[in-house]
Amino acid sequence: MRHGRKHRQLLTDASHRDAVLSGLAAEVIRHERIQTTERRAKAARIVVDNMITLGKRGDVHARRQAVAVIGDKALVHKLFDEIAPRYGEREGGYTRVVKLGPRSGDAAPMALIELV
């Protein structure tokens, strides 16, 4: 049963899942669009949307929370000064996941996650 589960499992333990999601979120903020598996893209969408919401808040505590997740101060600076102001009027849904089809090597379903 999935009572009380707020995240996707990603077939790893919790520390590895957190590392993968923070890395994916950092790459989405850096490149504004990345290609990954569909399951990882859907899980990373939640983290990226939360980071942009922190960027819209803009206070010092929000910056420290973003650094704790992303880990790179230059990316947090880009997030707060360039990306978050774009979404000032938007209430949510800052990312889009587009399905691309199966990967040629192992037929894993691929997706593109990008900022709207």
PDB file of N, CA and C in Angstrom:
ATOM      1  N   MET A   1       0.829  -1.183   0.000  1.00  0.00           N
ATOM      2  CA  MET A   1       0.000   0.000   0.000  1.00  0.00           C
ATOM      3  C   MET A   1       0.872   1.245   0.000  1.00  0.00           C
ATOM      4  N   ARG A   2       0.334   2.323  -0.533  1.00  0.00           N
ATOM      5  CA  ARG A   2       1.108   3.554  -0.673  1.00  0.00           C
ATOM      6  C   ARG A   2       0.645   4.635   0.293  1.00  0.00           C
ATOM      7  N   HIS A   3       0.176   4.275   1.468  1.00  0.00           N
ATOM      8  CA  HIS A   3      -0.295   5.274   2.407  1.00  0.00           C
ATOM      9  C   HIS A   3       0.862   6.155   2.868  1.00  0.00           C
ATOM     10  N   GLY A   4       0.696   7.445   2.751  1.00  0.00           N
ATOM     11  CA  GLY A   4       1.679   8.376   3.259  1.00  0.00           C
ATOM     12  C   GLY A   4       2.932   8.511   2.416  1.00  0.00           C
ATOM     13  N   ARG A   5       2.935   7.981   1.210  1.00  0.00           N
ATOM     14  CA  ARG A   5       4.128   8.069   0.358  1.00  0.00           C
ATOM     15  C   ARG A   5       4.032   9.335  -0.471  1.00  0.00           C
ATOM     16  N   LYS A   6       5.044  10.199  -0.378  1.00  0.00           N
ATOM     17  CA  LYS A   6       4.993  11.477  -1.072  1.00  0.00           C
ATOM     18  C   LYS A   6       6.003  11.566  -2.200  1.00  0.00           C
ATOM     19  N   HIS A   7       6.708  10.501  -2.521  1.00  0.00           N
ATOM     20  CA  HIS A   7       7.733  10.566  -3.561  1.00  0.00           C
ATOM     21  C   HIS A   7       7.707   9.290  -4.383  1.00  0.00           C
ATOM     22  N   ARG A   8       8.364   9.365  -5.514  1.00  0.00           N
ATOM     23  CA  ARG A   8       8.513   8.186  -6.362  1.00  0.00           C
ATOM     24  C   ARG A   8       9.732   7.404  -5.914  1.00  0.00           C
ATOM     25  N   GLN A   9       9.677   6.097  -6.037  1.00  0.00           N
ATOM     26  CA  GLN A   9      10.712   5.260  -5.468  1.00  0.00           C
ATOM     27  C   GLN A   9      12.003   5.284  -6.279  1.00  0.00           C
ATOM     28  N   LEU A  10      11.932   5.255  -7.588  1.00  0.00           N
ATOM     29  CA  LEU A  10      13.084   5.245  -8.482  1.00  0.00           C
ATOM     30  C   LEU A  10      14.017   4.051  -8.254  1.00  0.00           C
ATOM     31  N   LEU A  11      13.541   3.014  -7.617  1.00  0.00           N
ATOM     32  CA  LEU A  11      14.241   1.744  -7.447  1.00  0.00           C
ATOM     33  C   LEU A  11      15.607   1.880  -6.780  1.00  0.00           C
ATOM     34  N   THR A  12      15.752   2.834  -5.864  1.00  0.00           N
ATOM     35  CA  THR A  12      17.002   3.001  -5.139  1.00  0.00           C
ATOM     36  C   THR A  12      16.676   3.283  -3.673  1.00  0.00           C
ATOM     37  N   ASP A  13      17.722   3.428  -2.887  1.00  0.00           N
ATOM     38  CA  ASP A  13      17.484   3.826  -1.508  1.00  0.00           C
ATOM     39  C   ASP A  13      17.307   5.349  -1.437  1.00  0.00           C
ATOM     40  N   ALA A  14      16.981   5.852  -0.273  1.00  0.00           N
ATOM     41  CA  ALA A  14      16.584   7.255  -0.138  1.00  0.00           C
ATOM     42  C   ALA A  14      17.723   8.212  -0.451  1.00  0.00           C
ATOM     43  N   SER A  15      18.928   7.914  -0.011  1.00  0.00           N
ATOM     44  CA  SER A  15      20.040   8.840  -0.238  1.00  0.00           C
ATOM     45  C   SER A  15      20.398   8.925  -1.720  1.00  0.00           C
ATOM     46  N   HIS A  16      20.360   7.806  -2.413  1.00  0.00           N
ATOM     47  CA  HIS A  16      20.654   7.831  -3.845  1.00  0.00           C
ATOM     48  C   HIS A  16      19.553   8.547  -4.612  1.00  0.00           C
ATOM     49  N   ARG A  17      18.300   8.332  -4.218  1.00  0.00           N
ATOM     50  CA  ARG A  17      17.191   9.022  -4.865  1.00  0.00           C
ATOM     51  C   ARG A  17      17.321  10.530  -4.697  1.00  0.00           C
ATOM     52  N   ASP A  18      17.655  10.977  -3.486  1.00  0.00           N
ATOM     53  CA  ASP A  18      17.826  12.406  -3.250  1.00  0.00           C
ATOM     54  C   ASP A  18      18.972  12.974  -4.075  1.00  0.00           C
ATOM     55  N   ALA A  19      20.066  12.228  -4.205  1.00  0.00           N
ATOM     56  CA  ALA A  19      21.205  12.690  -4.999  1.00  0.00           C
ATOM     57  C   ALA A  19      20.847  12.782  -6.471  1.00  0.00           C
ATOM     58  N   VAL A  20      20.119  11.796  -6.984  1.00  0.00           N
ATOM     59  CA  VAL A  20      19.717  11.815  -8.390  1.00  0.00           C
ATOM     60  C   VAL A  20      18.782  12.990  -8.661  1.00  0.00           C
ATOM     61  N   LEU A  21      17.821  13.205  -7.788  1.00  0.00           N
ATOM     62  CA  LEU A  21      16.854  14.280  -8.008  1.00  0.00           C
ATOM     63  C   LEU A  21      17.493  15.655  -7.878  1.00  0.00           C
ATOM     64  N   SER A  22      18.417  15.829  -6.937  1.00  0.00           N
ATOM     65  CA  SER A  22      19.072  17.128  -6.835  1.00  0.00           C
ATOM     66  C   SER A  22      19.976  17.373  -8.039  1.00  0.00           C
ATOM     67  N   GLY A  23      20.619  16.338  -8.546  1.00  0.00           N
ATOM     68  CA  GLY A  23      21.427  16.487  -9.752  1.00  0.00           C
ATOM     69  C   GLY A  23      20.586  16.819 -10.972  1.00  0.00           C
ATOM     70  N   LEU A  24      19.452  16.155 -11.112  1.00  0.00           N
ATOM     71  CA  LEU A  24      18.550  16.459 -12.229  1.00  0.00           C
ATOM     72  C   LEU A  24      18.006  17.872 -12.124  1.00  0.00           C
ATOM     73  N   ALA A  25      17.643  18.295 -10.922  1.00  0.00           N
ATOM     74  CA  ALA A  25      17.132  19.649 -10.739  1.00  0.00           C
ATOM     75  C   ALA A  25      18.200  20.681 -11.087  1.00  0.00           C
ATOM     76  N   ALA A  26      19.446  20.421 -10.683  1.00  0.00           N
ATOM     77  CA  ALA A  26      20.533  21.346 -11.008  1.00  0.00           C
ATOM     78  C   ALA A  26      20.741  21.440 -12.514  1.00  0.00           C
ATOM     79  N   GLU A  27      20.663  20.326 -13.212  1.00  0.00           N
ATOM     80  CA  GLU A  27      20.861  20.343 -14.661  1.00  0.00           C
ATOM     81  C   GLU A  27      19.710  21.033 -15.386  1.00  0.00           C
ATOM     82  N   VAL A  28      18.485  20.874 -14.889  1.00  0.00           N
ATOM     83  CA  VAL A  28      17.358  21.578 -15.499  1.00  0.00           C
ATOM     84  C   VAL A  28      17.525  23.081 -15.313  1.00  0.00           C
ATOM     85  N   ILE A  29      17.993  23.502 -14.151  1.00  0.00           N
ATOM     86  CA  ILE A  29      18.211  24.928 -13.917  1.00  0.00           C
ATOM     87  C   ILE A  29      19.371  25.435 -14.766  1.00  0.00           C
ATOM     88  N   ARG A  30      20.408  24.625 -14.929  1.00  0.00           N
ATOM     89  CA  ARG A  30      21.575  25.045 -15.708  1.00  0.00           C
ATOM     90  C   ARG A  30      21.245  25.137 -17.200  1.00  0.00           C
ATOM     91  N   HIS A  31      20.616  24.106 -17.768  1.00  0.00           N
ATOM     92  CA  HIS A  31      20.400  24.040 -19.213  1.00  0.00           C
ATOM     93  C   HIS A  31      18.980  24.406 -19.637  1.00  0.00           C
ATOM     94  N   GLU A  32      18.053  24.459 -18.691  1.00  0.00           N
ATOM     95  CA  GLU A  32      16.644  24.768 -18.888  1.00  0.00           C
ATOM     96  C   GLU A  32      15.899  23.707 -19.690  1.00  0.00           C
ATOM     97  N   ARG A  33      16.555  22.626 -20.036  1.00  0.00           N
ATOM     98  CA  ARG A  33      15.911  21.484 -20.696  1.00  0.00           C
ATOM     99  C   ARG A  33      16.891  20.326 -20.706  1.00  0.00           C
ATOM    100  N   ILE A  34      16.429  19.150 -20.266  1.00  0.00           N
ATOM    101  CA  ILE A  34      17.271  17.964 -20.297  1.00  0.00           C
ATOM    102  C   ILE A  34      16.439  16.775 -20.755  1.00  0.00           C
ATOM    103  N   GLN A  35      17.138  15.764 -21.215  1.00  0.00           N
ATOM    104  CA  GLN A  35      16.497  14.525 -21.637  1.00  0.00           C
ATOM    105  C   GLN A  35      16.882  13.437 -20.651  1.00  0.00           C
ATOM    106  N   THR A  36      15.875  12.743 -20.117  1.00  0.00           N
ATOM    107  CA  THR A  36      16.114  11.681 -19.148  1.00  0.00           C
ATOM    108  C   THR A  36      14.977  10.665 -19.281  1.00  0.00           C
ATOM    109  N   THR A  37      14.962   9.678 -18.403  1.00  0.00           N
ATOM    110  CA  THR A  37      13.873   8.714 -18.471  1.00  0.00           C
ATOM    111  C   THR A  37      12.586   9.372 -17.966  1.00  0.00           C
ATOM    112  N   GLU A  38      11.489   8.811 -18.385  1.00  0.00           N
ATOM    113  CA  GLU A  38      10.186   9.396 -18.056  1.00  0.00           C
ATOM    114  C   GLU A  38       9.931   9.411 -16.550  1.00  0.00           C
ATOM    115  N   ARG A  39      10.294   8.352 -15.873  1.00  0.00           N
ATOM    116  CA  ARG A  39      10.063   8.261 -14.432  1.00  0.00           C
ATOM    117  C   ARG A  39      10.892   9.288 -13.673  1.00  0.00           C
ATOM    118  N   ARG A  40      12.153   9.464 -14.087  1.00  0.00           N
ATOM    119  CA  ARG A  40      13.002  10.462 -13.436  1.00  0.00           C
ATOM    120  C   ARG A  40      12.538  11.875 -13.745  1.00  0.00           C
ATOM    121  N   ALA A  41      12.050  12.095 -14.963  1.00  0.00           N
ATOM    122  CA  ALA A  41      11.567  13.433 -15.323  1.00  0.00           C
ATOM    123  C   ALA A  41      10.352  13.814 -14.487  1.00  0.00           C
ATOM    124  N   LYS A  42       9.451  12.877 -14.276  1.00  0.00           N
ATOM    125  CA  LYS A  42       8.262  13.167 -13.474  1.00  0.00           C
ATOM    126  C   LYS A  42       8.631  13.414 -12.015  1.00  0.00           C
ATOM    127  N   ALA A  43       9.636  12.706 -11.519  1.00  0.00           N
ATOM    128  CA  ALA A  43      10.065  12.925 -10.137  1.00  0.00           C
ATOM    129  C   ALA A  43      10.826  14.249 -10.005  1.00  0.00           C
ATOM    130  N   ALA A  44      11.638  14.586 -11.005  1.00  0.00           N
ATOM    131  CA  ALA A  44      12.427  15.817 -10.947  1.00  0.00           C
ATOM    132  C   ALA A  44      11.549  17.053 -11.115  1.00  0.00           C
ATOM    133  N   ARG A  45      10.422  16.903 -11.797  1.00  0.00           N
ATOM    134  CA  ARG A  45       9.513  18.040 -12.001  1.00  0.00           C
ATOM    135  C   ARG A  45       9.077  18.632 -10.656  1.00  0.00           C
ATOM    136  N   ILE A  46       8.826  17.785  -9.681  1.00  0.00           N
ATOM    137  CA  ILE A  46       8.380  18.249  -8.372  1.00  0.00           C
ATOM    138  C   ILE A  46       9.484  19.059  -7.703  1.00  0.00           C
ATOM    139  N   VAL A  47      10.727  18.577  -7.781  1.00  0.00           N
ATOM    140  CA  VAL A  47      11.846  19.265  -7.139  1.00  0.00           C
ATOM    141  C   VAL A  47      12.107  20.607  -7.810  1.00  0.00           C
ATOM    142  N   VAL A  48      12.083  20.641  -9.147  1.00  0.00           N
ATOM    143  CA  VAL A  48      12.349  21.884  -9.872  1.00  0.00           C
ATOM    144  C   VAL A  48      11.263  22.917  -9.586  1.00  0.00           C
ATOM    145  N   ASP A  49      10.008  22.488  -9.562  1.00  0.00           N
ATOM    146  CA  ASP A  49       8.930  23.424  -9.256  1.00  0.00           C
ATOM    147  C   ASP A  49       9.080  23.993  -7.835  1.00  0.00           C
ATOM    148  N   ASN A  50       9.491  23.159  -6.895  1.00  0.00           N
ATOM    149  CA  ASN A  50       9.715  23.652  -5.531  1.00  0.00           C
ATOM    150  C   ASN A  50      10.866  24.648  -5.484  1.00  0.00           C
ATOM    151  N   MET A  51      11.920  24.423  -6.266  1.00  0.00           N
ATOM    152  CA  MET A  51      13.049  25.348  -6.283  1.00  0.00           C
ATOM    153  C   MET A  51      12.649  26.700  -6.879  1.00  0.00           C
ATOM    154  N   ILE A  52      11.826  26.687  -7.921  1.00  0.00           N
ATOM    155  CA  ILE A  52      11.382  27.948  -8.522  1.00  0.00           C
ATOM    156  C   ILE A  52      10.463  28.691  -7.554  1.00  0.00           C
ATOM    157  N   THR A  53       9.658  27.962  -6.805  1.00  0.00           N
ATOM    158  CA  THR A  53       8.820  28.602  -5.788  1.00  0.00           C
ATOM    159  C   THR A  53       9.687  29.257  -4.715  1.00  0.00           C
ATOM    160  N   LEU A  54      10.766  28.593  -4.319  1.00  0.00           N
ATOM    161  CA  LEU A  54      11.699  29.215  -3.382  1.00  0.00           C
ATOM    162  C   LEU A  54      12.327  30.459  -3.997  1.00  0.00           C
ATOM    163  N   GLY A  55      12.644  30.398  -5.281  1.00  0.00           N
ATOM    164  CA  GLY A  55      13.226  31.549  -5.959  1.00  0.00           C
ATOM    165  C   GLY A  55      12.276  32.719  -6.030  1.00  0.00           C
ATOM    166  N   LYS A  56      11.001  32.440  -6.151  1.00  0.00           N
ATOM    167  CA  LYS A  56      10.016  33.524  -6.168  1.00  0.00           C
ATOM    168  C   LYS A  56       9.885  34.168  -4.789  1.00  0.00           C
ATOM    169  N   ARG A  57      10.096  33.388  -3.729  1.00  0.00           N
ATOM    170  CA  ARG A  57      10.070  33.965  -2.381  1.00  0.00           C
ATOM    171  C   ARG A  57      11.210  34.952  -2.197  1.00  0.00           C
ATOM    172  N   GLY A  58      12.401  34.534  -2.569  1.00  0.00           N
ATOM    173  CA  GLY A  58      13.529  35.441  -2.662  1.00  0.00           C
ATOM    174  C   GLY A  58      14.226  35.845  -1.385  1.00  0.00           C
ATOM    175  N   ASP A  59      13.855  35.325  -0.226  1.00  0.00           N
ATOM    176  CA  ASP A  59      14.528  35.745   0.991  1.00  0.00           C
ATOM    177  C   ASP A  59      15.767  34.879   1.250  1.00  0.00           C
ATOM    178  N   VAL A  60      16.493  35.217   2.294  1.00  0.00           N
ATOM    179  CA  VAL A  60      17.753  34.535   2.598  1.00  0.00           C
ATOM    180  C   VAL A  60      17.507  33.079   2.972  1.00  0.00           C
ATOM    181  N   HIS A  61      16.459  32.828   3.725  1.00  0.00           N
ATOM    182  CA  HIS A  61      16.165  31.451   4.124  1.00  0.00           C
ATOM    183  C   HIS A  61      15.843  30.582   2.907  1.00  0.00           C
ATOM    184  N   ALA A  62      15.129  31.142   1.940  1.00  0.00           N
ATOM    185  CA  ALA A  62      14.823  30.399   0.713  1.00  0.00           C
ATOM    186  C   ALA A  62      16.097  30.085  -0.056  1.00  0.00           C
ATOM    187  N   ARG A  63      17.035  31.030  -0.097  1.00  0.00           N
ATOM    188  CA  ARG A  63      18.315  30.776  -0.771  1.00  0.00           C
ATOM    189  C   ARG A  63      19.073  29.640  -0.085  1.00  0.00           C
ATOM    190  N   ARG A  64      19.057  29.639   1.237  1.00  0.00           N
ATOM    191  CA  ARG A  64      19.768  28.582   1.965  1.00  0.00           C
ATOM    192  C   ARG A  64      19.107  27.229   1.746  1.00  0.00           C
ATOM    193  N   GLN A  65      17.792  27.202   1.673  1.00  0.00           N
ATOM    194  CA  GLN A  65      17.094  25.946   1.385  1.00  0.00           C
ATOM    195  C   GLN A  65      17.424  25.460  -0.022  1.00  0.00           C
ATOM    196  N   ALA A  66      17.515  26.373  -0.988  1.00  0.00           N
ATOM    197  CA  ALA A  66      17.840  25.994  -2.358  1.00  0.00           C
ATOM    198  C   ALA A  66      19.269  25.469  -2.459  1.00  0.00           C
ATOM    199  N   VAL A  67      20.200  26.100  -1.752  1.00  0.00           N
ATOM    200  CA  VAL A  67      21.585  25.617  -1.759  1.00  0.00           C
ATOM    201  C   VAL A  67      21.662  24.226  -1.136  1.00  0.00           C
ATOM    202  N   ALA A  68      20.844  23.969  -0.134  1.00  0.00           N
ATOM    203  CA  ALA A  68      20.844  22.653   0.500  1.00  0.00           C
ATOM    204  C   ALA A  68      20.408  21.565  -0.469  1.00  0.00           C
ATOM    205  N   VAL A  69      19.516  21.894  -1.402  1.00  0.00           N
ATOM    206  CA  VAL A  69      19.048  20.893  -2.361  1.00  0.00           C
ATOM    207  C   VAL A  69      19.951  20.841  -3.576  1.00  0.00           C
ATOM    208  N   ILE A  70      20.256  22.008  -4.167  1.00  0.00           N
ATOM    209  CA  ILE A  70      21.005  22.049  -5.417  1.00  0.00           C
ATOM    210  C   ILE A  70      22.498  21.885  -5.177  1.00  0.00           C
ATOM    211  N   GLY A  71      23.040  22.576  -4.171  1.00  0.00           N
ATOM    212  CA  GLY A  71      24.435  22.405  -3.828  1.00  0.00           C
ATOM    213  C   GLY A  71      25.404  23.312  -4.548  1.00  0.00           C
ATOM    214  N   ASP A  72      24.950  24.152  -5.476  1.00  0.00           N
ATOM    215  CA  ASP A  72      25.833  25.030  -6.241  1.00  0.00           C
ATOM    216  C   ASP A  72      25.330  26.464  -6.105  1.00  0.00           C
ATOM    217  N   LYS A  73      26.152  27.328  -5.510  1.00  0.00           N
ATOM    218  CA  LYS A  73      25.707  28.701  -5.261  1.00  0.00           C
ATOM    219  C   LYS A  73      25.512  29.480  -6.550  1.00  0.00           C
ATOM    220  N   ALA A  74      26.292  29.185  -7.590  1.00  0.00           N
ATOM    221  CA  ALA A  74      26.135  29.887  -8.868  1.00  0.00           C
ATOM    222  C   ALA A  74      24.783  29.545  -9.501  1.00  0.00           C
ATOM    223  N   LEU A  75      24.366  28.285  -9.390  1.00  0.00           N
ATOM    224  CA  LEU A  75      23.057  27.899  -9.929  1.00  0.00           C
ATOM    225  C   LEU A  75      21.926  28.516  -9.124  1.00  0.00           C
ATOM    226  N   VAL A  76      22.106  28.619  -7.818  1.00  0.00           N
ATOM    227  CA  VAL A  76      21.081  29.254  -6.991  1.00  0.00           C
ATOM    228  C   VAL A  76      20.971  30.731  -7.352  1.00  0.00           C
ATOM    229  N   HIS A  77      22.099  31.355  -7.620  1.00  0.00           N
ATOM    230  CA  HIS A  77      22.091  32.755  -8.064  1.00  0.00           C
ATOM    231  C   HIS A  77      21.329  32.898  -9.379  1.00  0.00           C
ATOM    232  N   LYS A  78      21.581  31.993 -10.317  1.00  0.00           N
ATOM    233  CA  LYS A  78      20.852  32.019 -11.596  1.00  0.00           C
ATOM    234  C   LYS A  78      19.363  31.787 -11.369  1.00  0.00           C
ATOM    235  N   LEU A  79      19.042  30.851 -10.486  1.00  0.00           N
ATOM    236  CA  LEU A  79      17.647  30.549 -10.197  1.00  0.00           C
ATOM    237  C   LEU A  79      16.920  31.758  -9.634  1.00  0.00           C
ATOM    238  N   PHE A  80      17.515  32.436  -8.673  1.00  0.00           N
ATOM    239  CA  PHE A  80      16.843  33.540  -7.997  1.00  0.00           C
ATOM    240  C   PHE A  80      16.830  34.816  -8.835  1.00  0.00           C
ATOM    241  N   ASP A  81      17.874  35.049  -9.655  1.00  0.00           N
ATOM    242  CA  ASP A  81      17.979  36.322 -10.367  1.00  0.00           C
ATOM    243  C   ASP A  81      17.489  36.273 -11.805  1.00  0.00           C
ATOM    244  N   GLU A  82      17.514  35.108 -12.450  1.00  0.00           N
ATOM    245  CA  GLU A  82      17.112  35.025 -13.853  1.00  0.00           C
ATOM    246  C   GLU A  82      15.829  34.219 -14.065  1.00  0.00           C
ATOM    247  N   ILE A  83      15.749  33.049 -13.453  1.00  0.00           N
ATOM    248  CA  ILE A  83      14.640  32.138 -13.760  1.00  0.00           C
ATOM    249  C   ILE A  83      13.380  32.495 -12.986  1.00  0.00           C
ATOM    250  N   ALA A  84      13.486  32.695 -11.683  1.00  0.00           N
ATOM    251  CA  ALA A  84      12.299  32.947 -10.865  1.00  0.00           C
ATOM    252  C   ALA A  84      11.538  34.212 -11.261  1.00  0.00           C
ATOM    253  N   PRO A  85      12.198  35.323 -11.626  1.00  0.00           N
ATOM    254  CA  PRO A  85      11.419  36.504 -12.032  1.00  0.00           C
ATOM    255  C   PRO A  85      10.560  36.296 -13.276  1.00  0.00           C
ATOM    256  N   ARG A  86      10.915  35.330 -14.114  1.00  0.00           N
ATOM    257  CA  ARG A  86      10.089  35.034 -15.298  1.00  0.00           C
ATOM    258  C   ARG A  86       8.694  34.549 -14.919  1.00  0.00           C
ATOM    259  N   TYR A  87       8.591  33.905 -13.762  1.00  0.00           N
ATOM    260  CA  TYR A  87       7.347  33.274 -13.354  1.00  0.00           C
ATOM    261  C   TYR A  87       6.656  34.038 -12.239  1.00  0.00           C
ATOM    262  N   GLY A  88       6.820  35.344 -12.202  1.00  0.00           N
ATOM    263  CA  GLY A  88       6.250  36.155 -11.140  1.00  0.00           C
ATOM    264  C   GLY A  88       4.734  36.088 -11.067  1.00  0.00           C
ATOM    265  N   GLU A  89       4.061  36.044 -12.202  1.00  0.00           N
ATOM    266  CA  GLU A  89       2.605  36.014 -12.235  1.00  0.00           C
ATOM    267  C   GLU A  89       2.039  34.599 -12.241  1.00  0.00           C
ATOM    268  N   ARG A  90       2.888  33.618 -12.484  1.00  0.00           N
ATOM    269  CA  ARG A  90       2.418  32.240 -12.622  1.00  0.00           C
ATOM    270  C   ARG A  90       2.305  31.584 -11.247  1.00  0.00           C
ATOM    271  N   GLU A  91       1.227  30.861 -11.021  1.00  0.00           N
ATOM    272  CA  GLU A  91       0.969  30.241  -9.720  1.00  0.00           C
ATOM    273  C   GLU A  91       1.649  28.890  -9.543  1.00  0.00           C
ATOM    274  N   GLY A  92       2.041  28.249 -10.598  1.00  0.00           N
ATOM    275  CA  GLY A  92       2.671  26.933 -10.508  1.00  0.00           C
ATOM    276  C   GLY A  92       2.807  26.347 -11.884  1.00  0.00           C
ATOM    277  N   GLY A  93       3.300  25.115 -11.962  1.00  0.00           N
ATOM    278  CA  GLY A  93       3.453  24.464 -13.250  1.00  0.00           C
ATOM    279  C   GLY A  93       4.535  25.111 -14.087  1.00  0.00           C
ATOM    280  N   TYR A  94       5.745  25.180 -13.537  1.00  0.00           N
ATOM    281  CA  TYR A  94       6.831  25.866 -14.219  1.00  0.00           C
ATOM    282  C   TYR A  94       7.575  24.963 -15.185  1.00  0.00           C
ATOM    283  N   THR A  95       7.323  23.666 -15.138  1.00  0.00           N
ATOM    284  CA  THR A  95       8.028  22.720 -15.999  1.00  0.00           C
ATOM    285  C   THR A  95       7.045  21.943 -16.856  1.00  0.00           C
ATOM    286  N   ARG A  96       7.578  21.390 -17.923  1.00  0.00           N
ATOM    287  CA  ARG A  96       6.785  20.583 -18.858  1.00  0.00           C
ATOM    288  C   ARG A  96       7.561  19.297 -19.117  1.00  0.00           C
ATOM    289  N   VAL A  97       6.868  18.176 -19.134  1.00  0.00           N
ATOM    290  CA  VAL A  97       7.471  16.888 -19.452  1.00  0.00           C
ATOM    291  C   VAL A  97       6.865  16.406 -20.758  1.00  0.00           C
ATOM    292  N   VAL A  98       7.717  16.221 -21.770  1.00  0.00           N
ATOM    293  CA  VAL A  98       7.279  15.774 -23.093  1.00  0.00           C
ATOM    294  C   VAL A  98       7.833  14.381 -23.318  1.00  0.00           C
ATOM    295  N   LYS A  99       6.968  13.429 -23.605  1.00  0.00           N
ATOM    296  CA  LYS A  99       7.403  12.056 -23.834  1.00  0.00           C
ATOM    297  C   LYS A  99       8.048  11.957 -25.216  1.00  0.00           C
ATOM    298  N   LEU A 100       9.163  11.228 -25.283  1.00  0.00           N
ATOM    299  CA  LEU A 100       9.928  11.130 -26.520  1.00  0.00           C
ATOM    300  C   LEU A 100       9.881   9.753 -27.169  1.00  0.00           C
ATOM    301  N   GLY A 101       9.519   8.729 -26.438  1.00  0.00           N
ATOM    302  CA  GLY A 101       9.535   7.384 -26.994  1.00  0.00           C
ATOM    303  C   GLY A 101      10.636   6.561 -26.352  1.00  0.00           C
ATOM    304  N   PRO A 102      10.795   5.319 -26.775  1.00  0.00           N
ATOM    305  CA  PRO A 102      11.761   4.428 -26.123  1.00  0.00           C
ATOM    306  C   PRO A 102      13.207   4.739 -26.511  1.00  0.00           C
ATOM    307  N   ARG A 103      14.115   4.495 -25.564  1.00  0.00           N
ATOM    308  CA  ARG A 103      15.546   4.623 -25.818  1.00  0.00           C
ATOM    309  C   ARG A 103      15.994   3.430 -26.636  1.00  0.00           C
ATOM    310  N   SER A 104      16.927   3.628 -27.544  1.00  0.00           N
ATOM    311  CA  SER A 104      17.303   2.554 -28.467  1.00  0.00           C
ATOM    312  C   SER A 104      18.043   1.413 -27.775  1.00  0.00           C
ATOM    313  N   GLY A 105      18.783   1.674 -26.707  1.00  0.00           N
ATOM    314  CA  GLY A 105      19.576   0.626 -26.086  1.00  0.00           C
ATOM    315  C   GLY A 105      18.769  -0.361 -25.273  1.00  0.00           C
ATOM    316  N   ASP A 106      17.888   0.148 -24.398  1.00  0.00           N
ATOM    317  CA  ASP A 106      17.162  -0.744 -23.505  1.00  0.00           C
ATOM    318  C   ASP A 106      15.652  -0.524 -23.535  1.00  0.00           C
ATOM    319  N   ALA A 107      15.178   0.300 -24.450  1.00  0.00           N
ATOM    320  CA  ALA A 107      13.750   0.564 -24.643  1.00  0.00           C
ATOM    321  C   ALA A 107      13.108   1.236 -23.425  1.00  0.00           C
ATOM    322  N   ALA A 108      13.920   1.963 -22.647  1.00  0.00           N
ATOM    323  CA  ALA A 108      13.362   2.703 -21.529  1.00  0.00           C
ATOM    324  C   ALA A 108      12.607   3.917 -22.076  1.00  0.00           C
ATOM    325  N   PRO A 109      11.434   4.211 -21.542  1.00  0.00           N
ATOM    326  CA  PRO A 109      10.679   5.376 -22.044  1.00  0.00           C
ATOM    327  C   PRO A 109      11.405   6.666 -21.679  1.00  0.00           C
ATOM    328  N   MET A 110      11.690   7.492 -22.672  1.00  0.00           N
ATOM    329  CA  MET A 110      12.437   8.727 -22.472  1.00  0.00           C
ATOM    330  C   MET A 110      11.491   9.919 -22.490  1.00  0.00           C
ATOM    331  N   ALA A 111      11.931  11.002 -21.848  1.00  0.00           N
ATOM    332  CA  ALA A 111      11.127  12.214 -21.796  1.00  0.00           C
ATOM    333  C   ALA A 111      12.060  13.419 -21.760  1.00  0.00           C
ATOM    334  N   LEU A 112      11.509  14.544 -22.149  1.00  0.00           N
ATOM    335  CA  LEU A 112      12.227  15.813 -22.112  1.00  0.00           C
ATOM    336  C   LEU A 112      11.569  16.669 -21.039  1.00  0.00           C
ATOM    337  N   ILE A 113      12.359  17.125 -20.071  1.00  0.00           N
ATOM    338  CA  ILE A 113      11.806  18.035 -19.059  1.00  0.00           C
ATOM    339  C   ILE A 113      12.407  19.400 -19.329  1.00  0.00           C
ATOM    340  N   GLU A 114      11.547  20.415 -19.404  1.00  0.00           N
ATOM    341  CA  GLU A 114      12.000  21.754 -19.731  1.00  0.00           C
ATOM    342  C   GLU A 114      11.184  22.776 -18.967  1.00  0.00           C
ATOM    343  N   LEU A 115      11.771  23.968 -18.822  1.00  0.00           N
ATOM    344  CA  LEU A 115      11.054  25.057 -18.201  1.00  0.00           C
ATOM    345  C   LEU A 115      10.072  25.647 -19.191  1.00  0.00           C
ATOM    346  N   VAL A 116       8.876  26.005 -18.721  1.00  0.00           N
ATOM    347  CA  VAL A 116       7.838  26.545 -19.600  1.00  0.00           C
ATOM    348  C   VAL A 116       8.212  27.946 -19.996  1.00  0.00           C
TER     349      VAL A 116
END
